[in-house]
């Protein structure tokens, strides 16, 4: 049985968002101290995803919004 991956990446869309730093800090601290996961921050993350996956930024934003609406 393959081992589970214990690594997450934190991506933001850029621009100002009240409280975003606190959310990022909470996610990182929880992942590291409660789950012992590795946390990655990806510079220019949406542009990199677009290149890697072939999706446009509009498609990524739509998919992200759909996922957020489901939760």
Protein backbone atom coordinates (compact mmCIF):
# COMPACT_ATOMS: atom_id res chain seq x y z
CA UNK A 1 0.00 0.00 0.00
CA UNK A 2 1.47 3.41 -0.94
CA UNK A 3 2.30 5.81 1.84
CA UNK A 4 0.05 8.87 2.11
CA UNK A 5 1.55 12.16 1.04
CA UNK A 6 2.05 14.56 3.92
CA UNK A 7 2.71 17.74 2.00
CA UNK A 8 0.47 20.69 1.15
CA UNK A 9 0.96 23.86 -0.84
CA UNK A 10 -0.48 27.22 0.09
CA UNK A 11 -1.59 29.28 -2.89
CA UNK A 12 -3.15 32.72 -2.93
CA UNK A 13 -4.58 34.74 -5.76
CA UNK A 14 -2.69 37.91 -4.97
CA UNK A 15 -4.17 41.22 -3.99
CA UNK A 16 -5.30 42.41 -0.60
CA UNK A 17 -7.62 40.29 1.51
CA UNK A 18 -8.34 41.13 5.15
CA UNK A 19 -7.31 38.30 7.44
CA UNK A 20 -5.47 36.28 4.79
CA UNK A 21 -2.15 36.34 6.65
CA UNK A 22 -3.84 34.97 9.77
CA UNK A 23 -5.46 32.18 7.74
CA UNK A 24 -2.18 31.24 6.08
CA UNK A 25 -0.42 31.24 9.45
CA UNK A 26 -3.11 29.01 10.99
CA UNK A 27 -2.99 26.55 8.08
CA UNK A 28 0.81 26.35 8.18
CA UNK A 29 1.05 25.99 11.96
CA UNK A 30 -1.69 23.35 12.06
CA UNK A 31 -0.15 21.36 9.21
CA UNK A 32 3.32 21.43 10.77
CA UNK A 33 2.60 21.05 14.46
CA UNK A 34 -0.55 18.91 14.51
CA UNK A 35 -0.03 16.76 11.42
CA UNK A 36 3.77 17.00 10.89
CA UNK A 37 3.18 17.79 7.22
CA UNK A 38 5.57 19.70 5.01
CA UNK A 39 4.15 23.01 3.77
CA UNK A 40 5.16 24.64 0.50
CA UNK A 41 4.57 28.19 -0.63
CA UNK A 42 4.56 28.51 -4.41
CA UNK A 43 5.57 31.82 -5.95
CA UNK A 44 3.48 32.84 -8.99
CA UNK A 45 1.41 29.77 -8.22
CA UNK A 46 -1.59 30.30 -10.51
CA UNK A 47 0.63 31.09 -13.48
CA UNK A 48 2.63 27.92 -12.79
CA UNK A 49 -0.52 25.82 -12.57
CA UNK A 50 -1.76 27.30 -15.79
CA UNK A 51 1.45 26.32 -17.57
CA UNK A 52 1.60 22.88 -15.97
CA UNK A 53 -2.02 21.94 -16.55
CA UNK A 54 -2.83 23.85 -19.70
CA UNK A 55 -5.79 25.57 -18.03
CA UNK A 56 -6.44 29.28 -18.32
CA UNK A 57 -6.51 31.48 -15.25
CA UNK A 58 -10.24 32.01 -15.83
CA UNK A 59 -10.78 28.24 -15.71
CA UNK A 60 -8.72 27.91 -12.54
CA UNK A 61 -10.70 30.72 -10.86
CA UNK A 62 -14.02 29.11 -11.90
CA UNK A 63 -12.96 25.69 -10.63
CA UNK A 64 -11.72 27.20 -7.36
CA UNK A 65 -15.00 29.08 -6.89
CA UNK A 66 -16.99 25.90 -7.56
CA UNK A 67 -14.96 23.96 -5.00
CA UNK A 68 -15.36 26.72 -2.40
CA UNK A 69 -19.13 26.78 -2.98
CA UNK A 70 -19.32 23.02 -2.35
CA UNK A 71 -17.67 23.36 1.06
